[in-house]
Amino acid sequence: MNFLKTMILAISLVAINSMAQSPSDKAAMDHQILVAVAEASKAWKDAFNTGDAKAATALYEEDAIMVVKPFGTYTGRDEILGFWTNLIEKGFDDVVYSDTVTTLIDEESVRIAADWKMNKASGVITNELWVIQSDGRALLRLDYFEVAQ
């Protein structure tokens, strides 16, 4: 089967699945996705706030991308772990999100934007893209945030 036929088939299957879902089934699925992301986001904050960079980094996909303005781009868990380990070793903790906006993108991904503050810095999260994995867990694929101070 050529690429175009494969794409048409995939798009058709998504459309059929969407039409087959009742509104209550869709609402239940949306709720399940949002709960998984809320739990993962809380787990990330708890790990960071207790100084566990490894546990925080485990909540990223293996090849995740983290863009930290003005510090740079970190690709993959190893680089991301290095960033969080360094920050925790410098005494940063107590991260809190506020003015959080959670947007359900599709049946497998959610975007979070928020203001954040911690004991030694504050800023804005412009895009945390959480993606539901095959085992039902939510992991960060993209993490874009800015440090204001």
N, C-alpha and C. Protein backbone atom coordinates (compact mmCIF):
# COMPACT_ATOMS: atom_id res chain seq x y z
N MET A 1 0.86 -1.17 0.00
CA MET A 1 0.00 0.00 0.00
C MET A 1 0.90 1.23 0.00
N ASN A 2 0.60 2.19 -0.86
CA ASN A 2 1.46 3.36 -0.90
C ASN A 2 1.13 4.32 0.25
N PHE A 3 2.00 5.30 0.42
CA PHE A 3 1.88 6.24 1.55
C PHE A 3 0.54 6.96 1.56
N LEU A 4 0.10 7.47 0.40
CA LEU A 4 -1.15 8.22 0.33
C LEU A 4 -2.33 7.35 0.75
N LYS A 5 -2.39 6.11 0.26
CA LYS A 5 -3.49 5.22 0.65
C LYS A 5 -3.45 4.92 2.14
N THR A 6 -2.24 4.74 2.69
CA THR A 6 -2.09 4.49 4.11
C THR A 6 -2.60 5.67 4.92
N MET A 7 -2.25 6.87 4.50
CA MET A 7 -2.70 8.08 5.22
C MET A 7 -4.22 8.23 5.14
N ILE A 8 -4.79 7.99 3.98
CA ILE A 8 -6.25 8.09 3.83
C ILE A 8 -6.94 7.08 4.73
N LEU A 9 -6.42 5.86 4.78
CA LEU A 9 -6.99 4.84 5.65
C LEU A 9 -6.90 5.24 7.11
N ALA A 10 -5.75 5.76 7.52
CA ALA A 10 -5.57 6.18 8.92
C ALA A 10 -6.53 7.30 9.27
N ILE A 11 -6.66 8.29 8.40
CA ILE A 11 -7.58 9.41 8.66
C ILE A 11 -9.01 8.91 8.71
N SER A 12 -9.38 7.98 7.83
CA SER A 12 -10.73 7.43 7.83
C SER A 12 -11.02 6.68 9.12
N LEU A 13 -10.05 5.91 9.62
CA LEU A 13 -10.26 5.18 10.87
C LEU A 13 -10.45 6.12 12.04
N VAL A 14 -9.68 7.21 12.08
CA VAL A 14 -9.85 8.20 13.15
C VAL A 14 -11.24 8.81 13.07
N ALA A 15 -11.68 9.15 11.87
CA ALA A 15 -13.00 9.75 11.70
C ALA A 15 -14.10 8.78 12.11
N ILE A 16 -13.96 7.50 11.73
CA ILE A 16 -14.96 6.49 12.11
C ILE A 16 -15.00 6.32 13.61
N ASN A 17 -13.83 6.25 14.25
CA ASN A 17 -13.78 6.12 15.71
C ASN A 17 -14.42 7.31 16.39
N SER A 18 -14.18 8.51 15.87
CA SER A 18 -14.75 9.72 16.47
C SER A 18 -16.26 9.71 16.36
N MET A 19 -16.78 9.29 15.20
CA MET A 19 -18.22 9.26 15.01
C MET A 19 -18.87 8.17 15.85
N ALA A 20 -18.16 7.07 16.09
CA ALA A 20 -18.72 5.95 16.82
C ALA A 20 -18.84 6.23 18.32
N GLN A 21 -18.07 7.18 18.81
CA GLN A 21 -18.12 7.48 20.24
C GLN A 21 -19.36 8.29 20.57
N SER A 22 -20.05 7.87 21.59
CA SER A 22 -21.18 8.67 22.05
C SER A 22 -20.62 9.86 22.82
N PRO A 23 -21.41 10.90 22.99
CA PRO A 23 -20.93 12.06 23.76
C PRO A 23 -20.49 11.68 25.18
N SER A 24 -21.19 10.75 25.80
CA SER A 24 -20.79 10.36 27.17
C SER A 24 -19.49 9.56 27.15
N ASP A 25 -19.28 8.73 26.11
CA ASP A 25 -18.01 8.00 25.99
C ASP A 25 -16.86 8.98 25.78
N LYS A 26 -17.07 9.98 24.92
CA LYS A 26 -16.03 10.97 24.66
C LYS A 26 -15.74 11.76 25.94
N ALA A 27 -16.76 12.14 26.66
CA ALA A 27 -16.56 12.89 27.91
C ALA A 27 -15.78 12.05 28.92
N ALA A 28 -16.10 10.77 29.01
CA ALA A 28 -15.38 9.89 29.93
C ALA A 28 -13.91 9.75 29.53
N MET A 29 -13.65 9.61 28.23
CA MET A 29 -12.28 9.50 27.73
C MET A 29 -11.52 10.81 27.99
N ASP A 30 -12.14 11.94 27.70
CA ASP A 30 -11.51 13.24 27.95
C ASP A 30 -11.16 13.39 29.43
N HIS A 31 -12.08 12.99 30.28
CA HIS A 31 -11.86 13.07 31.73
C HIS A 31 -10.67 12.19 32.14
N GLN A 32 -10.62 10.99 31.61
CA GLN A 32 -9.54 10.06 31.93
C GLN A 32 -8.18 10.65 31.52
N ILE A 33 -8.12 11.26 30.36
CA ILE A 33 -6.87 11.88 29.89
C ILE A 33 -6.48 13.04 30.79
N LEU A 34 -7.43 13.89 31.12
CA LEU A 34 -7.13 15.05 31.97
C LEU A 34 -6.69 14.62 33.37
N VAL A 35 -7.28 13.56 33.90
CA VAL A 35 -6.87 13.06 35.22
C VAL A 35 -5.44 12.51 35.16
N ALA A 36 -5.12 11.76 34.10
CA ALA A 36 -3.76 11.22 33.97
C ALA A 36 -2.73 12.34 33.91
N VAL A 37 -3.04 13.40 33.19
CA VAL A 37 -2.11 14.54 33.09
C VAL A 37 -2.02 15.28 34.43
N ALA A 38 -3.13 15.49 35.09
CA ALA A 38 -3.11 16.17 36.40
C ALA A 38 -2.27 15.37 37.40
N GLU A 39 -2.43 14.05 37.40
CA GLU A 39 -1.64 13.21 38.31
C GLU A 39 -0.16 13.27 37.98
N ALA A 40 0.18 13.23 36.69
CA ALA A 40 1.59 13.27 36.29
C ALA A 40 2.20 14.64 36.61
N SER A 41 1.45 15.69 36.37
CA SER A 41 1.95 17.04 36.68
C SER A 41 2.20 17.20 38.18
N LYS A 42 1.28 16.69 38.98
CA LYS A 42 1.47 16.74 40.44
C LYS A 42 2.69 15.92 40.86
N ALA A 43 2.85 14.74 40.24
CA ALA A 43 4.00 13.89 40.55
C ALA A 43 5.31 14.60 40.19
N TRP A 44 5.31 15.34 39.08
CA TRP A 44 6.51 16.08 38.69
C TRP A 44 6.83 17.15 39.74
N LYS A 45 5.83 17.93 40.12
CA LYS A 45 6.06 18.99 41.12
C LYS A 45 6.49 18.39 42.46
N ASP A 46 5.86 17.30 42.87
CA ASP A 46 6.25 16.65 44.13
C ASP A 46 7.70 16.17 44.08
N ALA A 47 8.10 15.56 42.96
CA ALA A 47 9.47 15.08 42.82
C ALA A 47 10.46 16.24 42.88
N PHE A 48 10.17 17.29 42.15
CA PHE A 48 11.07 18.45 42.16
C PHE A 48 11.15 19.05 43.57
N ASN A 49 10.02 19.21 44.21
CA ASN A 49 9.98 19.86 45.52
C ASN A 49 10.65 19.04 46.62
N THR A 50 10.79 17.75 46.40
CA THR A 50 11.50 16.91 47.37
C THR A 50 12.95 16.69 46.97
N GLY A 51 13.38 17.36 45.90
CA GLY A 51 14.77 17.26 45.47
C GLY A 51 15.13 16.01 44.70
N ASP A 52 14.14 15.37 44.11
CA ASP A 52 14.38 14.11 43.38
C ASP A 52 14.37 14.38 41.87
N ALA A 53 15.52 14.82 41.36
CA ALA A 53 15.64 15.14 39.93
C ALA A 53 15.39 13.92 39.05
N LYS A 54 15.80 12.73 39.51
CA LYS A 54 15.60 11.51 38.71
C LYS A 54 14.11 11.21 38.55
N ALA A 55 13.36 11.34 39.63
CA ALA A 55 11.92 11.07 39.55
C ALA A 55 11.22 12.12 38.68
N ALA A 56 11.64 13.37 38.79
CA ALA A 56 11.05 14.42 37.94
C ALA A 56 11.36 14.15 36.48
N THR A 57 12.59 13.77 36.19
CA THR A 57 13.00 13.52 34.81
C THR A 57 12.34 12.27 34.24
N ALA A 58 12.00 11.31 35.07
CA ALA A 58 11.32 10.10 34.60
C ALA A 58 9.94 10.42 34.04
N LEU A 59 9.43 11.61 34.30
CA LEU A 59 8.12 12.02 33.79
C LEU A 59 8.21 12.70 32.42
N TYR A 60 9.38 12.62 31.81
CA TYR A 60 9.58 13.10 30.43
C TYR A 60 9.71 11.88 29.52
N GLU A 61 9.26 12.01 28.28
CA GLU A 61 9.54 10.97 27.31
C GLU A 61 11.05 10.90 27.09
N GLU A 62 11.53 9.75 26.65
CA GLU A 62 12.97 9.54 26.47
C GLU A 62 13.62 10.60 25.60
N ASP A 63 12.94 11.02 24.55
CA ASP A 63 13.52 12.01 23.63
C ASP A 63 12.83 13.38 23.73
N ALA A 64 12.33 13.69 24.91
CA ALA A 64 11.64 14.96 25.15
C ALA A 64 12.56 16.15 24.86
N ILE A 65 11.92 17.28 24.61
CA ILE A 65 12.65 18.53 24.39
C ILE A 65 12.19 19.53 25.44
N MET A 66 13.15 20.13 26.11
CA MET A 66 12.87 21.16 27.11
C MET A 66 13.60 22.44 26.69
N VAL A 67 12.85 23.51 26.52
CA VAL A 67 13.42 24.80 26.15
C VAL A 67 13.24 25.73 27.33
N VAL A 68 14.36 26.20 27.87
CA VAL A 68 14.35 27.06 29.06
C VAL A 68 14.94 28.41 28.66
N LYS A 69 14.08 29.41 28.55
CA LYS A 69 14.58 30.75 28.21
C LYS A 69 15.02 31.43 29.49
N PRO A 70 16.18 31.98 29.59
CA PRO A 70 17.17 32.23 28.55
C PRO A 70 18.32 31.21 28.53
N PHE A 71 18.17 30.05 29.12
CA PHE A 71 19.30 29.14 29.34
C PHE A 71 19.60 28.17 28.20
N GLY A 72 18.61 27.80 27.41
CA GLY A 72 18.90 26.92 26.29
C GLY A 72 17.91 25.80 26.10
N THR A 73 18.29 24.89 25.22
CA THR A 73 17.46 23.75 24.86
C THR A 73 18.14 22.47 25.35
N TYR A 74 17.34 21.60 25.94
CA TYR A 74 17.82 20.33 26.49
C TYR A 74 17.02 19.22 25.81
N THR A 75 17.73 18.28 25.19
CA THR A 75 17.07 17.23 24.43
C THR A 75 17.38 15.87 25.05
N GLY A 76 16.33 15.13 25.36
CA GLY A 76 16.48 13.81 25.95
C GLY A 76 16.61 13.85 27.46
N ARG A 77 16.31 12.72 28.08
CA ARG A 77 16.30 12.64 29.54
C ARG A 77 17.65 12.96 30.17
N ASP A 78 18.75 12.55 29.55
CA ASP A 78 20.06 12.80 30.17
C ASP A 78 20.33 14.29 30.32
N GLU A 79 20.09 15.07 29.26
CA GLU A 79 20.31 16.51 29.34
C GLU A 79 19.33 17.17 30.30
N ILE A 80 18.09 16.72 30.26
CA ILE A 80 17.07 17.29 31.16
C ILE A 80 17.41 16.97 32.61
N LEU A 81 17.85 15.75 32.87
CA LEU A 81 18.28 15.37 34.22
C LEU A 81 19.42 16.28 34.69
N GLY A 82 20.38 16.55 33.83
CA GLY A 82 21.48 17.43 34.20
C GLY A 82 21.00 18.81 34.60
N PHE A 83 20.03 19.35 33.85
CA PHE A 83 19.48 20.68 34.19
C PHE A 83 18.82 20.67 35.56
N TRP A 84 17.91 19.70 35.78
CA TRP A 84 17.18 19.67 37.06
C TRP A 84 18.09 19.34 38.23
N THR A 85 19.06 18.46 38.03
CA THR A 85 20.00 18.13 39.10
C THR A 85 20.78 19.38 39.52
N ASN A 86 21.28 20.12 38.56
CA ASN A 86 22.03 21.35 38.83
C ASN A 86 21.17 22.35 39.59
N LEU A 87 19.93 22.53 39.16
CA LEU A 87 19.04 23.49 39.82
C LEU A 87 18.74 23.08 41.26
N ILE A 88 18.46 21.81 41.46
CA ILE A 88 18.17 21.32 42.81
C ILE A 88 19.39 21.44 43.71
N GLU A 89 20.57 21.13 43.16
CA GLU A 89 21.80 21.26 43.95
C GLU A 89 22.07 22.71 44.38
N LYS A 90 21.53 23.66 43.61
CA LYS A 90 21.70 25.09 43.95
C LYS A 90 20.63 25.57 44.94
N GLY A 91 19.78 24.65 45.40
CA GLY A 91 18.81 24.98 46.43
C GLY A 91 17.45 25.45 45.94
N PHE A 92 17.16 25.27 44.66
CA PHE A 92 15.85 25.66 44.15
C PHE A 92 14.83 24.57 44.51
N ASP A 93 13.66 25.02 44.98
CA ASP A 93 12.56 24.09 45.28
C ASP A 93 11.28 24.87 45.46
N ASP A 94 10.27 24.21 45.95
CA ASP A 94 8.98 24.80 46.27
C ASP A 94 8.30 25.42 45.04
N VAL A 95 8.28 24.70 43.92
CA VAL A 95 7.62 25.20 42.72
C VAL A 95 6.11 25.10 42.89
N VAL A 96 5.43 26.16 42.47
CA VAL A 96 3.98 26.25 42.53
C VAL A 96 3.50 26.85 41.21
N TYR A 97 2.46 26.27 40.62
CA TYR A 97 1.86 26.82 39.41
C TYR A 97 0.65 27.67 39.80
N SER A 98 0.40 28.72 39.02
CA SER A 98 -0.81 29.53 39.20
C SER A 98 -1.33 29.97 37.84
N ASP A 99 -2.56 30.42 37.81
CA ASP A 99 -3.21 30.82 36.55
C ASP A 99 -3.03 29.75 35.48
N THR A 100 -3.24 28.52 35.86
CA THR A 100 -3.02 27.38 34.98
C THR A 100 -4.14 27.27 33.95
N VAL A 101 -3.73 27.06 32.70
CA VAL A 101 -4.68 26.81 31.61
C VAL A 101 -4.36 25.42 31.05
N THR A 102 -5.32 24.52 31.13
CA THR A 102 -5.16 23.16 30.63
C THR A 102 -6.04 22.99 29.41
N THR A 103 -5.42 22.56 28.30
CA THR A 103 -6.15 22.43 27.03
C THR A 103 -6.01 21.00 26.52
N LEU A 104 -7.13 20.34 26.35
CA LEU A 104 -7.15 19.01 25.75
C LEU A 104 -6.94 19.19 24.25
N ILE A 105 -5.84 18.66 23.72
CA ILE A 105 -5.51 18.82 22.30
C ILE A 105 -6.24 17.77 21.46
N ASP A 106 -6.11 16.52 21.86
CA ASP A 106 -6.76 15.41 21.16
C ASP A 106 -6.87 14.25 22.13
N GLU A 107 -7.15 13.04 21.62
CA GLU A 107 -7.37 11.91 22.52
C GLU A 107 -6.12 11.35 23.15
N GLU A 108 -4.97 12.02 22.94
CA GLU A 108 -3.75 11.55 23.59
C GLU A 108 -2.86 12.66 24.13
N SER A 109 -3.24 13.91 24.00
CA SER A 109 -2.33 14.97 24.45
C SER A 109 -3.06 16.16 25.05
N VAL A 110 -2.35 16.78 26.01
CA VAL A 110 -2.88 17.92 26.75
C VAL A 110 -1.76 18.95 26.87
N ARG A 111 -2.13 20.21 26.71
CA ARG A 111 -1.19 21.31 26.86
C ARG A 111 -1.49 22.05 28.15
N ILE A 112 -0.44 22.34 28.92
CA ILE A 112 -0.58 23.15 30.13
C ILE A 112 0.26 24.40 29.95
N ALA A 113 -0.32 25.54 30.28
CA ALA A 113 0.39 26.82 30.35
C ALA A 113 0.07 27.39 31.73
N ALA A 114 1.04 28.08 32.32
CA ALA A 114 0.82 28.60 33.67
C ALA A 114 1.92 29.59 34.03
N ASP A 115 1.66 30.34 35.07
CA ASP A 115 2.73 31.08 35.74
C ASP A 115 3.31 30.13 36.76
N TRP A 116 4.58 30.31 37.11
CA TRP A 116 5.19 29.48 38.14
C TRP A 116 6.08 30.34 39.01
N LYS A 117 6.24 29.88 40.23
CA LYS A 117 7.21 30.52 41.13
C LYS A 117 7.78 29.45 42.02
N MET A 118 8.97 29.71 42.51
CA MET A 118 9.62 28.84 43.47
C MET A 118 10.41 29.73 44.42
N ASN A 119 11.16 29.13 45.30
CA ASN A 119 11.83 29.90 46.33
C ASN A 119 12.84 30.90 45.79
N LYS A 120 13.46 30.64 44.63
CA LYS A 120 14.51 31.52 44.12
C LYS A 120 14.26 32.05 42.71
N ALA A 121 13.10 31.80 42.14
CA ALA A 121 12.85 32.23 40.77
C ALA A 121 11.35 32.20 40.48
N SER A 122 11.00 32.78 39.35
CA SER A 122 9.62 32.73 38.87
C SER A 122 9.63 32.89 37.36
N GLY A 123 8.48 32.61 36.75
CA GLY A 123 8.41 32.74 35.31
C GLY A 123 7.09 32.26 34.77
N VAL A 124 7.13 31.81 33.53
CA VAL A 124 5.92 31.37 32.85
C VAL A 124 6.20 30.09 32.07
N ILE A 125 5.24 29.18 32.12
CA ILE A 125 5.27 27.97 31.30
C ILE A 125 4.43 28.30 30.07
N THR A 126 5.05 28.24 28.90
CA THR A 126 4.32 28.53 27.68
C THR A 126 3.75 27.28 27.03
N ASN A 127 4.38 26.13 27.28
CA ASN A 127 3.86 24.89 26.68
C ASN A 127 4.46 23.66 27.35
N GLU A 128 3.68 23.03 28.19
CA GLU A 128 3.98 21.68 28.64
C GLU A 128 3.07 20.78 27.83
N LEU A 129 3.63 19.97 26.96
CA LEU A 129 2.83 19.05 26.17
C LEU A 129 2.95 17.66 26.78
N TRP A 130 1.87 17.23 27.41
CA TRP A 130 1.79 15.91 28.04
C TRP A 130 1.13 14.96 27.07
N VAL A 131 1.71 13.79 26.90
CA VAL A 131 1.19 12.81 25.94
C VAL A 131 0.93 11.49 26.67
N ILE A 132 -0.24 10.93 26.43
CA ILE A 132 -0.61 9.65 27.04
C ILE A 132 0.16 8.54 26.33
N GLN A 133 0.83 7.71 27.12
CA GLN A 133 1.62 6.60 26.60
C GLN A 133 0.75 5.35 26.46
N SER A 134 1.27 4.33 25.84
CA SER A 134 0.51 3.10 25.60
C SER A 134 0.07 2.44 26.90
N ASP A 135 0.79 2.71 28.02
CA ASP A 135 0.40 2.13 29.31
C ASP A 135 -0.56 3.03 30.10
N GLY A 136 -0.99 4.14 29.48
CA GLY A 136 -1.96 5.03 30.13
C GLY A 136 -1.34 6.17 30.92
N ARG A 137 -0.02 6.13 31.13
CA ARG A 137 0.64 7.22 31.86
C ARG A 137 0.81 8.43 30.96
N ALA A 138 0.84 9.60 31.56
CA ALA A 138 1.14 10.83 30.82
C ALA A 138 2.60 11.19 31.06
N LEU A 139 3.31 11.50 29.97
CA LEU A 139 4.70 11.96 30.06
C LEU A 139 4.85 13.24 29.26
N LEU A 140 5.82 14.05 29.67
CA LEU A 140 6.10 15.29 28.96
C LEU A 140 6.88 15.02 27.68
N ARG A 141 6.38 15.53 26.57
CA ARG A 141 7.08 15.46 25.30
C ARG A 141 7.81 16.77 25.03
N LEU A 142 7.15 17.88 25.37
CA LEU A 142 7.71 19.22 25.21
C LEU A 142 7.53 19.97 26.52
N ASP A 143 8.52 20.75 26.88
CA ASP A 143 8.44 21.57 28.10
C ASP A 143 9.13 22.89 27.78
N TYR A 144 8.33 23.92 27.52
CA TYR A 144 8.84 25.24 27.19
C TYR A 144 8.48 26.18 28.34
N PHE A 145 9.50 26.76 28.94
CA PHE A 145 9.22 27.74 29.99
C PHE A 145 10.27 28.82 30.03
N GLU A 146 9.90 29.93 30.65
CA GLU A 146 10.79 31.09 30.75
C GLU A 146 11.01 31.42 32.21
N VAL A 147 12.22 31.86 32.48
CA VAL A 147 12.57 32.33 33.82
C VAL A 147 12.55 33.86 33.76
N ALA A 148 11.70 34.46 34.59
CA ALA A 148 11.59 35.92 34.60
C ALA A 148 12.56 36.54 35.60
N GLN A 149 12.84 35.84 36.68
CA GLN A 149 13.79 36.35 37.69
C GLN A 149 14.50 35.22 38.36
